[in-house]
Amino acid sequence: MTYQVEKIIKQKIKENKLSKENFAFFYYNLENKETYFYSKEKWFIGASTTKVQIAMIYYEMIKDKKVNEKDMYLYKENHYEAGNGIITNEYKVGDKIPLKKLLYEMIVNSDNTATNILAEALGGRKIYRKYFEKYTKTTLPDEFYTENIISASYGLDVLKYLYKNSNIYKELIENMKKSSFGKYLKKYISSCEIAHKYGSYKGNIHDYGIVYGKKTYFIGIFTKNIENAEELIATISKEIFEKAQSLQIRYTKKSKF
């Protein structure tokens, strides 16, 4: 399958004049561990992709009984940030909001205000990004601890950790499945569940997630200042999914004889 994935990616690179400076990709087959990267060490502005790791910290704290999903968090004036989500658009400064609601809105609707409330409660970026180390074996640059950045290598490690410890992150994964229906990785795929998180900020448009097809695989697409990036992400996802499905069908038919 990695040969077919590589072929698709090389064709997209050619068609869209992509390079290692503005495009990165990963594919990982959970069953046979086949892996394909393009520009694995290139770091991009992470945008909302970082919301997955913030949520992971909270679900770990819930497991360890350091916090409770019913705990209330105060919405302060400095937390507001324009965007989607109920916290941003329906709640007001001074409201107290349950943790469970904040986690849901942060992932399902990519609510920036909910994210700011939760991030501040962790002590701010320098504190929680230090914690992000545990999700990877990748060597991290100094900028990782002060800036919101992501690479294909790091993104894959996050998904591997998430999947391996899915007993802790069950609710997070379910929320990721509800996120961005009909967009990004999910745009042309409706026959299986995809747990994913997109990010979009200043020309950096990404999506990474777990595709629960007949054979589960992980996929991540990261772009910078690429025209029609959302459609590029959607078409790459579609073509890889169709190829994976067709290979599985052929293998199943062959195995009957």
C-alpha atoms as a PDB file:
ATOM      1  CA  MET A   1       0.000   0.000   0.000  1.00  0.00           C
ATOM      2  CA  THR A   2       2.851   2.415   0.688  1.00  0.00           C
ATOM      3  CA  TYR A   3       3.842   2.236  -2.989  1.00  0.00           C
ATOM      4  CA  GLN A   4       0.338   3.316  -3.991  1.00  0.00           C
ATOM      5  CA  VAL A   5       0.334   6.088  -1.364  1.00  0.00           C
ATOM      6  CA  GLU A   6       3.700   7.363  -2.550  1.00  0.00           C
ATOM      7  CA  LYS A   7       2.452   7.347  -6.142  1.00  0.00           C
ATOM      8  CA  ILE A   8      -0.604   9.431  -5.208  1.00  0.00           C
ATOM      9  CA  ILE A   9       1.470  11.935  -3.227  1.00  0.00           C
ATOM     10  CA  LYS A  10       4.091  12.321  -5.962  1.00  0.00           C
ATOM     11  CA  GLN A  11       1.333  12.990  -8.481  1.00  0.00           C
ATOM     12  CA  LYS A  12      -0.230  15.653  -6.236  1.00  0.00           C
ATOM     13  CA  ILE A  13       3.158  17.269  -5.714  1.00  0.00           C
ATOM     14  CA  LYS A  14       3.646  17.472  -9.476  1.00  0.00           C
ATOM     15  CA  GLU A  15       0.134  18.728 -10.232  1.00  0.00           C
ATOM     16  CA  ASN A  16       0.153  21.396  -7.521  1.00  0.00           C
ATOM     17  CA  LYS A  17       3.840  22.385  -7.641  1.00  0.00           C
ATOM     18  CA  LEU A  18       4.303  21.413  -4.004  1.00  0.00           C
ATOM     19  CA  SER A  19       7.631  21.219  -2.184  1.00  0.00           C
ATOM     20  CA  LYS A  20       9.073  20.203   1.168  1.00  0.00           C
ATOM     21  CA  GLU A  21       8.710  23.819   2.254  1.00  0.00           C
ATOM     22  CA  ASN A  22       4.939  24.067   1.838  1.00  0.00           C
ATOM     23  CA  PHE A  23       3.677  20.481   2.081  1.00  0.00           C
ATOM     24  CA  ALA A  24       4.129  17.500   4.395  1.00  0.00           C
ATOM     25  CA  PHE A  25       2.358  14.170   4.704  1.00  0.00           C
ATOM     26  CA  PHE A  26       2.229  10.915   6.626  1.00  0.00           C
ATOM     27  CA  TYR A  27       0.493   7.568   6.204  1.00  0.00           C
ATOM     28  CA  TYR A  28       0.638   4.721   8.699  1.00  0.00           C
ATOM     29  CA  ASN A  29      -1.063   1.339   8.325  1.00  0.00           C
ATOM     30  CA  LEU A  30      -2.001   0.100  11.782  1.00  0.00           C
ATOM     31  CA  GLU A  31      -2.072  -3.566  10.796  1.00  0.00           C
ATOM     32  CA  ASN A  32       1.307  -4.010   9.104  1.00  0.00           C
ATOM     33  CA  LYS A  33       3.055  -0.829  10.353  1.00  0.00           C
ATOM     34  CA  GLU A  34       3.771   0.350   6.805  1.00  0.00           C
ATOM     35  CA  THR A  35       4.717   4.017   6.953  1.00  0.00           C
ATOM     36  CA  TYR A  36       5.211   6.712   4.346  1.00  0.00           C
ATOM     37  CA  PHE A  37       6.367  10.272   4.985  1.00  0.00           C
ATOM     38  CA  TYR A  38       6.936  13.305   2.834  1.00  0.00           C
ATOM     39  CA  SER A  39       8.896  16.143   4.467  1.00  0.00           C
ATOM     40  CA  LYS A  40       8.534  14.525   7.897  1.00  0.00           C
ATOM     41  CA  GLU A  41      10.702  17.045   9.796  1.00  0.00           C
ATOM     42  CA  LYS A  42       9.262  20.281   8.356  1.00  0.00           C
ATOM     43  CA  TRP A  43       7.600  22.328  11.108  1.00  0.00           C
ATOM     44  CA  PHE A  44       4.420  24.314  10.405  1.00  0.00           C
ATOM     45  CA  ILE A  45       2.268  26.642  12.490  1.00  0.00           C
ATOM     46  CA  GLY A  46       0.059  24.089  14.204  1.00  0.00           C
ATOM     47  CA  ALA A  47      -3.161  26.145  14.373  1.00  0.00           C
ATOM     48  CA  SER A  48      -6.017  24.123  15.909  1.00  0.00           C
ATOM     49  CA  THR A  49      -4.244  20.765  15.614  1.00  0.00           C
ATOM     50  CA  THR A  50      -2.776  21.443  19.064  1.00  0.00           C
ATOM     51  CA  LYS A  51      -6.250  21.194  20.594  1.00  0.00           C
ATOM     52  CA  VAL A  52      -5.924  17.409  20.482  1.00  0.00           C
ATOM     53  CA  GLN A  53      -2.909  17.423  22.806  1.00  0.00           C
ATOM     54  CA  ILE A  54      -4.519  19.936  25.174  1.00  0.00           C
ATOM     55  CA  ALA A  55      -7.543  17.654  25.403  1.00  0.00           C
ATOM     56  CA  MET A  56      -5.299  14.626  25.981  1.00  0.00           C
ATOM     57  CA  ILE A  57      -3.802  16.293  29.053  1.00  0.00           C
ATOM     58  CA  TYR A  58      -7.248  16.897  30.518  1.00  0.00           C
ATOM     59  CA  TYR A  59      -8.457  13.342  29.918  1.00  0.00           C
ATOM     60  CA  GLU A  60      -5.329  12.076  31.664  1.00  0.00           C
ATOM     61  CA  MET A  61      -6.077  14.356  34.611  1.00  0.00           C
ATOM     62  CA  ILE A  62      -9.671  13.098  34.683  1.00  0.00           C
ATOM     63  CA  LYS A  63      -8.366   9.519  34.809  1.00  0.00           C
ATOM     64  CA  ASP A  64      -6.009  10.415  37.646  1.00  0.00           C
ATOM     65  CA  LYS A  65      -8.847  12.230  39.455  1.00  0.00           C
ATOM     66  CA  LYS A  66      -6.949  15.516  39.432  1.00  0.00           C
ATOM     67  CA  VAL A  67      -9.962  17.158  37.805  1.00  0.00           C
ATOM     68  CA  ASN A  68     -13.589  16.212  37.251  1.00  0.00           C
ATOM     69  CA  GLU A  69     -15.537  16.679  34.034  1.00  0.00           C
ATOM     70  CA  LYS A  70     -18.173  18.521  36.088  1.00  0.00           C
ATOM     71  CA  ASP A  71     -15.627  21.076  37.372  1.00  0.00           C
ATOM     72  CA  MET A  72     -16.564  24.655  36.440  1.00  0.00           C
ATOM     73  CA  TYR A  73     -14.155  27.023  34.679  1.00  0.00           C
ATOM     74  CA  LEU A  74     -14.531  30.789  34.697  1.00  0.00           C
ATOM     75  CA  TYR A  75     -14.802  32.574  31.354  1.00  0.00           C
ATOM     76  CA  LYS A  76     -12.619  35.708  31.605  1.00  0.00           C
ATOM     77  CA  GLU A  77     -12.434  38.654  29.232  1.00  0.00           C
ATOM     78  CA  ASN A  78      -8.972  37.693  27.952  1.00  0.00           C
ATOM     79  CA  HIS A  79     -10.237  34.253  26.919  1.00  0.00           C
ATOM     80  CA  TYR A  80     -12.423  35.482  24.067  1.00  0.00           C
ATOM     81  CA  GLU A  81     -11.256  34.713  20.529  1.00  0.00           C
ATOM     82  CA  ALA A  82     -13.473  34.939  17.456  1.00  0.00           C
ATOM     83  CA  GLY A  83     -14.431  31.735  15.670  1.00  0.00           C
ATOM     84  CA  ASN A  84     -16.853  28.833  15.777  1.00  0.00           C
ATOM     85  CA  GLY A  85     -18.409  27.177  18.794  1.00  0.00           C
ATOM     86  CA  ILE A  86     -21.019  27.726  21.458  1.00  0.00           C
ATOM     87  CA  ILE A  87     -18.591  29.029  24.087  1.00  0.00           C
ATOM     88  CA  THR A  88     -17.389  31.787  21.760  1.00  0.00           C
ATOM     89  CA  ASN A  89     -20.782  32.736  20.404  1.00  0.00           C
ATOM     90  CA  GLU A  90     -23.330  32.071  23.152  1.00  0.00           C
ATOM     91  CA  TYR A  91     -21.571  32.294  26.515  1.00  0.00           C
ATOM     92  CA  LYS A  92     -20.424  35.557  28.075  1.00  0.00           C
ATOM     93  CA  VAL A  93     -17.607  36.782  30.282  1.00  0.00           C
ATOM     94  CA  GLY A  94     -18.259  35.787  33.900  1.00  0.00           C
ATOM     95  CA  ASP A  95     -20.009  32.527  33.046  1.00  0.00           C
ATOM     96  CA  LYS A  96     -18.808  29.303  34.635  1.00  0.00           C
ATOM     97  CA  ILE A  97     -18.632  26.409  32.195  1.00  0.00           C
ATOM     98  CA  PRO A  98     -18.234  22.674  32.941  1.00  0.00           C
ATOM     99  CA  LEU A  99     -15.037  20.993  31.776  1.00  0.00           C
ATOM    100  CA  LYS A 100     -16.945  18.408  29.746  1.00  0.00           C
ATOM    101  CA  LYS A 101     -18.615  21.188  27.722  1.00  0.00           C
ATOM    102  CA  LEU A 102     -15.324  22.984  27.125  1.00  0.00           C
ATOM    103  CA  LEU A 103     -13.611  19.810  25.911  1.00  0.00           C
ATOM    104  CA  TYR A 104     -16.510  19.011  23.584  1.00  0.00           C
ATOM    105  CA  GLU A 105     -16.614  22.470  22.023  1.00  0.00           C
ATOM    106  CA  MET A 106     -12.831  22.689  21.673  1.00  0.00           C
ATOM    107  CA  ILE A 107     -12.719  19.517  19.569  1.00  0.00           C
ATOM    108  CA  VAL A 108     -16.080  19.226  17.821  1.00  0.00           C
ATOM    109  CA  ASN A 109     -16.482  22.915  16.921  1.00  0.00           C
ATOM    110  CA  SER A 110     -12.821  23.982  17.303  1.00  0.00           C
ATOM    111  CA  ASP A 111     -13.925  26.662  19.758  1.00  0.00           C
ATOM    112  CA  ASN A 112     -11.014  29.064  20.335  1.00  0.00           C
ATOM    113  CA  THR A 113     -12.454  30.622  23.470  1.00  0.00           C
ATOM    114  CA  ALA A 114     -12.930  27.210  25.066  1.00  0.00           C
ATOM    115  CA  THR A 115      -9.332  26.413  24.159  1.00  0.00           C
ATOM    116  CA  ASN A 116      -8.047  29.620  25.767  1.00  0.00           C
ATOM    117  CA  ILE A 117      -9.916  28.863  28.986  1.00  0.00           C
ATOM    118  CA  LEU A 118      -8.440  25.367  29.168  1.00  0.00           C
ATOM    119  CA  ALA A 119      -4.938  26.416  28.117  1.00  0.00           C
ATOM    120  CA  GLU A 120      -4.727  29.123  30.770  1.00  0.00           C
ATOM    121  CA  ALA A 121      -5.888  26.665  33.431  1.00  0.00           C
ATOM    122  CA  LEU A 122      -2.902  24.454  32.517  1.00  0.00           C
ATOM    123  CA  GLY A 123      -0.524  27.317  33.223  1.00  0.00           C
ATOM    124  CA  GLY A 124      -0.056  28.645  29.704  1.00  0.00           C
ATOM    125  CA  ARG A 125       1.863  27.554  26.611  1.00  0.00           C
ATOM    126  CA  LYS A 126       5.326  27.115  28.152  1.00  0.00           C
ATOM    127  CA  ILE A 127       3.849  24.746  30.719  1.00  0.00           C
ATOM    128  CA  TYR A 128       1.563  22.584  28.598  1.00  0.00           C
ATOM    129  CA  ARG A 129       3.891  22.326  25.600  1.00  0.00           C
ATOM    130  CA  LYS A 130       6.572  20.919  27.881  1.00  0.00           C
ATOM    131  CA  TYR A 131       4.035  18.238  28.745  1.00  0.00           C
ATOM    132  CA  PHE A 132       3.538  17.528  25.022  1.00  0.00           C
ATOM    133  CA  GLU A 133       6.985  15.867  24.999  1.00  0.00           C
ATOM    134  CA  LYS A 134       5.511  12.626  26.289  1.00  0.00           C
ATOM    135  CA  TYR A 135       3.532  12.056  23.095  1.00  0.00           C
ATOM    136  CA  THR A 136       6.596  11.632  20.875  1.00  0.00           C
ATOM    137  CA  LYS A 137      10.090  10.230  20.494  1.00  0.00           C
ATOM    138  CA  THR A 138      10.858  12.904  17.911  1.00  0.00           C
ATOM    139  CA  THR A 139      13.696  15.303  18.707  1.00  0.00           C
ATOM    140  CA  LEU A 140      11.953  18.602  19.327  1.00  0.00           C
ATOM    141  CA  PRO A 141      13.380  22.021  18.399  1.00  0.00           C
ATOM    142  CA  ASP A 142      13.623  24.773  21.013  1.00  0.00           C
ATOM    143  CA  GLU A 143      10.783  26.617  19.270  1.00  0.00           C
ATOM    144  CA  PHE A 144       8.427  23.748  20.080  1.00  0.00           C
ATOM    145  CA  TYR A 145       8.167  24.916  23.682  1.00  0.00           C
ATOM    146  CA  THR A 146       7.305  28.542  22.923  1.00  0.00           C
ATOM    147  CA  GLU A 147       5.415  28.320  19.637  1.00  0.00           C
ATOM    148  CA  ASN A 148       2.426  26.345  18.379  1.00  0.00           C
ATOM    149  CA  ILE A 149       4.119  24.200  15.730  1.00  0.00           C
ATOM    150  CA  ILE A 150       3.644  20.712  14.313  1.00  0.00           C
ATOM    151  CA  SER A 151       5.446  18.375  11.912  1.00  0.00           C
ATOM    152  CA  ALA A 152       4.339  15.222  10.125  1.00  0.00           C
ATOM    153  CA  SER A 153       6.621  13.169  12.362  1.00  0.00           C
ATOM    154  CA  TYR A 154       5.231  14.682  15.549  1.00  0.00           C
ATOM    155  CA  GLY A 155       1.626  14.488  14.327  1.00  0.00           C
ATOM    156  CA  LEU A 156       1.902  10.767  13.636  1.00  0.00           C
ATOM    157  CA  ASP A 157       3.397  10.152  17.069  1.00  0.00           C
ATOM    158  CA  VAL A 158       0.452  11.963  18.684  1.00  0.00           C
ATOM    159  CA  LEU A 159      -2.045   9.749  16.857  1.00  0.00           C
ATOM    160  CA  LYS A 160      -0.127   6.595  17.750  1.00  0.00           C
ATOM    161  CA  TYR A 161      -0.158   7.593  21.419  1.00  0.00           C
ATOM    162  CA  LEU A 162      -3.841   8.506  21.235  1.00  0.00           C
ATOM    163  CA  TYR A 163      -4.798   5.189  19.662  1.00  0.00           C
ATOM    164  CA  LYS A 164      -2.587   3.066  21.914  1.00  0.00           C
ATOM    165  CA  ASN A 165      -4.167   4.660  24.993  1.00  0.00           C
ATOM    166  CA  SER A 166      -7.698   4.874  23.631  1.00  0.00           C
ATOM    167  CA  ASN A 167      -9.103   3.615  26.931  1.00  0.00           C
ATOM    168  CA  ILE A 168      -8.114   6.991  28.413  1.00  0.00           C
ATOM    169  CA  TYR A 169      -9.133   9.055  25.393  1.00  0.00           C
ATOM    170  CA  LYS A 170     -12.353   7.306  24.404  1.00  0.00           C
ATOM    171  CA  GLU A 171     -14.460  10.465  24.717  1.00  0.00           C
ATOM    172  CA  LEU A 172     -11.858  12.556  22.899  1.00  0.00           C
ATOM    173  CA  ILE A 173     -11.800  10.112  19.979  1.00  0.00           C
ATOM    174  CA  GLU A 174     -15.606  10.155  19.804  1.00  0.00           C
ATOM    175  CA  ASN A 175     -15.536  13.957  19.735  1.00  0.00           C
ATOM    176  CA  MET A 176     -12.927  13.875  16.958  1.00  0.00           C
ATOM    177  CA  LYS A 177     -15.258  11.630  14.957  1.00  0.00           C
ATOM    178  CA  LYS A 178     -17.956  14.326  15.223  1.00  0.00           C
ATOM    179  CA  SER A 179     -15.616  17.130  14.174  1.00  0.00           C
ATOM    180  CA  SER A 180     -15.932  18.906  10.810  1.00  0.00           C
ATOM    181  CA  PHE A 181     -18.468  16.623   9.145  1.00  0.00           C
ATOM    182  CA  GLY A 182     -18.173  16.802   5.367  1.00  0.00           C
ATOM    183  CA  LYS A 183     -14.911  18.759   5.385  1.00  0.00           C
ATOM    184  CA  TYR A 184     -11.169  18.169   5.039  1.00  0.00           C
ATOM    185  CA  LEU A 185     -10.293  14.453   5.386  1.00  0.00           C
ATOM    186  CA  LYS A 186     -13.994  13.613   5.618  1.00  0.00           C
ATOM    187  CA  LYS A 187     -15.290  15.563   2.610  1.00  0.00           C
ATOM    188  CA  TYR A 188     -15.534  12.635   0.194  1.00  0.00           C
ATOM    189  CA  ILE A 189     -15.650   9.774   2.700  1.00  0.00           C
ATOM    190  CA  SER A 190     -18.925   8.822   4.384  1.00  0.00           C
ATOM    191  CA  SER A 191     -18.725   5.027   4.565  1.00  0.00           C
ATOM    192  CA  CYS A 192     -16.549   4.875   7.677  1.00  0.00           C
ATOM    193  CA  GLU A 193     -15.698   6.926  10.748  1.00  0.00           C
ATOM    194  CA  ILE A 194     -12.747   9.310  10.825  1.00  0.00           C
ATOM    195  CA  ALA A 195     -11.457  10.769  14.086  1.00  0.00           C
ATOM    196  CA  HIS A 196      -9.577  13.906  13.073  1.00  0.00           C
ATOM    197  CA  LYS A 197      -8.659  17.503  13.862  1.00  0.00           C
ATOM    198  CA  TYR A 198      -8.061  20.219  11.312  1.00  0.00           C
ATOM    199  CA  GLY A 199      -6.157  23.457  11.766  1.00  0.00           C
ATOM    200  CA  SER A 200      -6.321  26.700   9.783  1.00  0.00           C
ATOM    201  CA  TYR A 201      -4.312  29.844  10.543  1.00  0.00           C
ATOM    202  CA  LYS A 202      -2.533  32.398   8.346  1.00  0.00           C
ATOM    203  CA  GLY A 203      -2.310  30.143   5.315  1.00  0.00           C
ATOM    204  CA  ASN A 204      -1.379  27.044   7.326  1.00  0.00           C
ATOM    205  CA  ILE A 205      -4.129  24.497   6.701  1.00  0.00           C
ATOM    206  CA  HIS A 206      -3.786  20.956   8.024  1.00  0.00           C
ATOM    207  CA  ASP A 207      -5.742  17.872   8.981  1.00  0.00           C
ATOM    208  CA  TYR A 208      -4.682  14.642  10.647  1.00  0.00           C
ATOM    209  CA  GLY A 209      -6.626  11.699  11.936  1.00  0.00           C
ATOM    210  CA  ILE A 210      -7.499   8.021  12.203  1.00  0.00           C
ATOM    211  CA  VAL A 211      -9.495   6.413   9.381  1.00  0.00           C
ATOM    212  CA  TYR A 212     -11.525   3.449  10.633  1.00  0.00           C
ATOM    213  CA  GLY A 213     -11.952   1.664   7.313  1.00  0.00           C
ATOM    214  CA  LYS A 214     -11.745  -2.057   6.653  1.00  0.00           C
ATOM    215  CA  LYS A 215      -8.116  -1.565   7.573  1.00  0.00           C
ATOM    216  CA  THR A 216      -7.476   1.259  10.044  1.00  0.00           C
ATOM    217  CA  TYR A 217      -4.804   3.753   9.057  1.00  0.00           C
ATOM    218  CA  PHE A 218      -3.503   7.146  10.179  1.00  0.00           C
ATOM    219  CA  ILE A 219      -3.112  10.072   7.790  1.00  0.00           C
ATOM    220  CA  GLY A 220      -1.840  13.626   8.118  1.00  0.00           C
ATOM    221  CA  ILE A 221      -1.648  16.443   5.561  1.00  0.00           C
ATOM    222  CA  PHE A 222       0.060  19.756   6.343  1.00  0.00           C
ATOM    223  CA  THR A 223       0.135  22.763   4.008  1.00  0.00           C
ATOM    224  CA  LYS A 224       1.382  26.338   3.927  1.00  0.00           C
ATOM    225  CA  ASN A 225       0.082  29.015   1.543  1.00  0.00           C
ATOM    226  CA  ILE A 226      -1.262  26.486  -0.952  1.00  0.00           C
ATOM    227  CA  GLU A 227      -4.183  27.481  -3.149  1.00  0.00           C
ATOM    228  CA  ASN A 228      -7.294  25.367  -2.531  1.00  0.00           C
ATOM    229  CA  ALA A 229      -5.577  23.552   0.346  1.00  0.00           C
ATOM    230  CA  GLU A 230      -8.858  22.245   1.784  1.00  0.00           C
ATOM    231  CA  GLU A 231      -9.739  20.598  -1.522  1.00  0.00           C
ATOM    232  CA  LEU A 232      -6.229  19.187  -1.852  1.00  0.00           C
ATOM    233  CA  ILE A 233      -6.546  17.596   1.589  1.00  0.00           C
ATOM    234  CA  ALA A 234      -9.962  16.189   0.683  1.00  0.00           C
ATOM    235  CA  THR A 235      -8.871  14.701  -2.655  1.00  0.00           C
ATOM    236  CA  ILE A 236      -5.710  13.119  -1.230  1.00  0.00           C
ATOM    237  CA  SER A 237      -7.800  11.570   1.538  1.00  0.00           C
ATOM    238  CA  LYS A 238     -10.350  10.278  -0.976  1.00  0.00           C
ATOM    239  CA  GLU A 239      -7.810   8.732  -3.338  1.00  0.00           C
ATOM    240  CA  ILE A 240      -5.887   6.993  -0.575  1.00  0.00           C
ATOM    241  CA  PHE A 241      -9.106   5.676   0.974  1.00  0.00           C
ATOM    242  CA  GLU A 242     -10.345   4.336  -2.377  1.00  0.00           C
ATOM    243  CA  LYS A 243      -7.012   2.673  -3.063  1.00  0.00           C
ATOM    244  CA  ALA A 244      -6.971   1.088   0.396  1.00  0.00           C
ATOM    245  CA  GLN A 245     -10.521  -0.184  -0.085  1.00  0.00           C
ATOM    246  CA  SER A 246      -9.840  -1.621  -3.541  1.00  0.00           C
ATOM    247  CA  LEU A 247      -6.729  -3.436  -2.338  1.00  0.00           C
ATOM    248  CA  GLN A 248      -8.650  -4.905   0.593  1.00  0.00           C
ATOM    249  CA  ILE A 249     -11.466  -6.099  -1.689  1.00  0.00           C
ATOM    250  CA  ARG A 250      -8.990  -7.804  -4.025  1.00  0.00           C
ATOM    251  CA  TYR A 251      -7.219  -9.435  -1.090  1.00  0.00           C
ATOM    252  CA  THR A 252     -10.505 -10.689   0.398  1.00  0.00           C
ATOM    253  CA  LYS A 253     -11.613 -12.204  -2.890  1.00  0.00           C
ATOM    254  CA  LYS A 254      -8.263 -13.884  -3.402  1.00  0.00           C
ATOM    255  CA  SER A 255      -8.244 -15.342   0.103  1.00  0.00           C
ATOM    256  CA  LYS A 256     -11.425 -17.322  -0.575  1.00  0.00           C
ATOM    257  CA  PHE A 257      -9.649 -19.681  -2.936  1.00  0.00           C
END
